[in-house]
Amino acid sequence: MSAIQRVPFHGLSLSAVLVNGAPCVAIRPICDSLGLNWSGQFRRIQRDAELKASVVVMATVAEDGKRRKMLFLPLDRLNGWLFGVDVARVREELRERMNWYRRECYAVLARHFGLSRPGADLHARLIEAEREEAQSFAVAQACSKGMNRRRVEKSRLSKRIDELRELVQLALPLEGGAA
């Protein structure tokens, strides 16, 4: 095992270590930055045979100077854990951050440890652009359906309003004369 490395990650830092030449990433700091319940995520990792078997526990010195055990997952298992988190159970204000974190985390760590394939970043950006296009199309489609429904309703409602105006015009002179 080697010393813990701090990998810059969009204003944050990920704690990573090489174990037998394989990069491993500390899980608790990720949970903390995403607002995930650490004990719940620890139990989930313990229930997953593959994740549990690949866990590395290392004694570290925390920022307060105390020695603590830190749980690491190999980089090639990190996405399995991250994508296993049910985004619907993450606090609503953190859901987009969770999705962003999942998209970015692997690429940043893979680049840091020299594991990224040429063009992988471009491919990830393409996938993200395609996802954004699909979302934009879905919004436009919903708006289009709403506009079509409005055209149908407008005609019907205009007729009804015109009829009621005529009835009001006919009724008003009668009320005025009766007074």
Protein backbone atom coordinates (compact mmCIF):
# COMPACT_ATOMS: atom_id res chain seq x y z
CA MET A 1 0.00 0.00 0.00
CA SER A 2 1.13 3.52 -0.68
CA ALA A 3 0.35 6.85 0.94
CA ILE A 4 -3.06 8.43 0.50
CA GLN A 5 -3.21 10.80 -2.44
CA ARG A 6 -5.59 13.74 -2.69
CA VAL A 7 -7.05 13.91 -6.18
CA PRO A 8 -8.53 17.35 -7.09
CA PHE A 9 -12.17 17.00 -8.09
CA HIS A 10 -14.07 20.18 -9.07
CA GLY A 11 -13.15 22.13 -5.96
CA LEU A 12 -13.26 19.07 -3.73
CA SER A 13 -10.72 16.34 -3.28
CA LEU A 14 -11.00 12.58 -3.45
CA SER A 15 -8.82 10.42 -1.24
CA ALA A 16 -7.16 7.61 -3.14
CA VAL A 17 -4.42 5.08 -2.55
CA LEU A 18 -2.62 2.48 -4.66
CA VAL A 19 -3.03 -1.07 -3.32
CA ASN A 20 -0.89 -3.61 -5.17
CA GLY A 21 -0.74 -1.17 -8.06
CA ALA A 22 -4.54 -0.75 -8.26
CA PRO A 23 -6.09 2.63 -7.38
CA CYS A 24 -8.63 2.58 -4.53
CA VAL A 25 -10.91 5.44 -3.49
CA ALA A 26 -12.14 6.42 -0.01
CA ILE A 27 -15.92 6.10 0.19
CA ARG A 28 -16.92 8.12 3.27
CA PRO A 29 -15.74 11.51 1.91
CA ILE A 30 -17.83 10.85 -1.21
CA CYS A 31 -20.86 10.05 0.96
CA ASP A 32 -20.30 13.23 2.96
CA SER A 33 -20.03 15.43 -0.14
CA LEU A 34 -23.19 13.91 -1.64
CA GLY A 35 -25.25 14.04 1.54
CA LEU A 36 -25.49 10.24 1.66
CA ASN A 37 -25.93 8.48 4.98
CA TRP A 38 -22.54 6.85 5.64
CA SER A 39 -23.82 4.03 7.86
CA GLY A 40 -26.50 3.13 5.30
CA GLN A 41 -23.94 3.06 2.48
CA PHE A 42 -21.53 1.01 4.61
CA ARG A 43 -24.30 -1.56 5.25
CA ARG A 44 -25.14 -1.61 1.53
CA ILE A 45 -21.49 -2.32 0.66
CA GLN A 46 -21.42 -5.10 3.29
CA ARG A 47 -24.55 -6.70 1.75
CA ASP A 48 -23.01 -6.75 -1.74
CA ALA A 49 -20.68 -9.75 -1.94
CA GLU A 50 -18.55 -8.27 -4.75
CA LEU A 51 -18.11 -4.89 -3.09
CA LYS A 52 -17.55 -6.42 0.35
CA ALA A 53 -14.84 -8.73 -1.00
CA SER A 54 -13.01 -5.84 -2.66
CA VAL A 55 -13.05 -3.39 0.28
CA VAL A 56 -9.69 -2.15 1.58
CA VAL A 57 -9.58 -0.76 5.12
CA MET A 58 -6.66 1.46 5.99
CA ALA A 59 -5.69 3.35 9.14
CA THR A 60 -5.29 7.04 8.37
CA VAL A 61 -4.60 10.23 10.24
CA ALA A 62 -7.61 12.53 10.03
CA GLU A 63 -7.49 16.32 9.81
CA ASP A 64 -7.97 16.50 13.58
CA GLY A 65 -4.78 14.43 14.04
CA LYS A 66 -6.60 11.30 15.27
CA ARG A 67 -6.04 7.89 13.69
CA ARG A 68 -9.14 6.45 12.04
CA LYS A 69 -9.90 3.54 9.76
CA MET A 70 -10.92 4.52 6.26
CA LEU A 71 -12.78 2.28 3.83
CA PHE A 72 -11.61 2.24 0.21
CA LEU A 73 -13.07 0.58 -2.89
CA PRO A 74 -10.98 -0.26 -5.94
CA LEU A 75 -11.52 2.26 -8.71
CA ASP A 76 -12.98 -0.40 -10.98
CA ARG A 77 -15.70 -1.06 -8.35
CA LEU A 78 -16.46 2.60 -7.61
CA ASN A 79 -19.00 3.00 -10.41
CA GLY A 80 -20.73 -0.19 -9.29
CA TRP A 81 -21.22 1.36 -5.88
CA LEU A 82 -22.10 4.86 -7.17
CA PHE A 83 -24.59 3.56 -9.73
CA GLY A 84 -26.12 1.33 -7.08
CA VAL A 85 -27.18 4.38 -5.06
CA ASP A 86 -30.89 4.95 -5.63
CA VAL A 87 -30.96 8.58 -6.76
CA ALA A 88 -34.66 8.77 -5.84
CA ARG A 89 -33.63 8.25 -2.19
CA VAL A 90 -31.11 11.11 -2.28
CA ARG A 91 -32.41 14.44 -0.98
CA GLU A 92 -34.07 16.25 -3.89
CA GLU A 93 -31.68 19.20 -3.79
CA LEU A 94 -28.72 16.80 -4.14
CA ARG A 95 -30.03 14.56 -6.95
CA GLU A 96 -28.51 16.51 -9.82
CA ARG A 97 -25.23 16.69 -7.93
CA MET A 98 -25.34 12.91 -7.50
CA ASN A 99 -25.87 12.39 -11.23
CA TRP A 100 -23.10 14.86 -12.06
CA TYR A 101 -20.79 13.20 -9.54
CA ARG A 102 -21.36 9.79 -11.11
CA ARG A 103 -20.61 11.12 -14.59
CA GLU A 104 -17.45 12.95 -13.60
CA CYS A 105 -15.91 10.87 -10.83
CA TYR A 106 -14.70 7.94 -12.87
CA ALA A 107 -13.22 10.08 -15.63
CA VAL A 108 -11.26 12.27 -13.20
CA LEU A 109 -9.90 9.32 -11.25
CA ALA A 110 -9.11 7.30 -14.36
CA ARG A 111 -7.16 10.23 -15.82
CA HIS A 112 -5.28 10.71 -12.55
CA PHE A 113 -4.14 7.10 -12.51
CA GLY A 114 -3.55 6.94 -16.27
CA LEU A 115 -6.39 4.51 -16.89
CA SER A 116 -8.47 6.56 -19.30
CA ARG A 117 -8.76 5.48 -22.90
CA PRO A 118 -8.01 8.01 -25.65
CA GLY A 119 -11.27 9.65 -26.60
CA ALA A 120 -13.09 8.41 -23.48
CA ASP A 121 -13.61 11.99 -22.32
CA LEU A 122 -14.99 12.95 -25.72
CA HIS A 123 -17.26 9.91 -25.66
CA ALA A 124 -18.54 10.88 -22.20
CA ARG A 125 -19.19 14.42 -23.44
CA LEU A 126 -21.05 13.03 -26.46
CA ILE A 127 -23.23 10.86 -24.23
CA GLU A 128 -23.96 13.86 -22.01
CA ALA A 129 -24.87 16.04 -25.03
CA GLU A 130 -27.16 13.29 -26.35
CA ARG A 131 -28.84 13.04 -22.94
CA GLU A 132 -29.37 16.81 -22.87
CA GLU A 133 -30.81 16.70 -26.41
CA ALA A 134 -33.22 13.92 -25.41
CA GLN A 135 -34.36 15.96 -22.39
CA SER A 136 -34.81 19.06 -24.53
CA PHE A 137 -36.82 17.07 -27.08
CA ALA A 138 -39.05 15.65 -24.32
CA VAL A 139 -39.78 19.15 -23.00
CA ALA A 140 -40.51 20.46 -26.51
CA GLN A 141 -42.75 17.47 -27.21
CA ALA A 142 -44.73 18.09 -24.02
CA CYS A 143 -45.06 21.77 -24.93
CA SER A 144 -46.17 20.88 -28.45
CA LYS A 145 -48.87 18.55 -27.12
CA GLY A 146 -49.99 21.32 -24.78
CA MET A 147 -50.18 23.83 -27.65
CA ASN A 148 -52.22 21.40 -29.78
CA ARG A 149 -54.62 20.82 -26.88
CA ARG A 150 -54.88 24.62 -26.44
CA ARG A 151 -55.85 25.10 -30.10
CA VAL A 152 -58.72 22.63 -29.71
CA GLU A 153 -59.83 24.11 -26.38
CA LYS A 154 -59.54 27.70 -27.61
CA SER A 155 -62.10 27.14 -30.36
CA ARG A 156 -64.55 25.44 -28.00
CA LEU A 157 -64.06 28.01 -25.23
CA SER A 158 -64.34 30.96 -27.66
CA LYS A 159 -67.72 29.64 -28.86
CA ARG A 160 -68.92 29.21 -25.29
CA ILE A 161 -67.76 32.70 -24.29
CA ASP A 162 -69.45 34.27 -27.34
CA GLU A 163 -72.72 32.46 -26.53
CA LEU A 164 -72.58 33.57 -22.89
CA ARG A 165 -71.83 37.17 -23.92
CA GLU A 166 -74.91 37.16 -26.14
CA LEU A 167 -77.03 35.80 -23.29
CA VAL A 168 -75.60 38.43 -20.92
CA GLN A 169 -76.37 41.21 -23.46
CA LEU A 170 -79.94 39.95 -23.82
CA ALA A 171 -80.39 39.61 -20.05
CA LEU A 172 -78.97 43.01 -19.07
CA PRO A 173 -81.66 45.15 -20.75
CA LEU A 174 -84.31 43.00 -19.10
CA GLU A 175 -82.77 43.53 -15.66
CA GLY A 176 -82.40 47.26 -16.32
CA GLY A 177 -86.02 47.61 -17.37
CA ALA A 178 -87.30 45.73 -14.32
CA ALA A 179 -85.58 48.09 -11.90
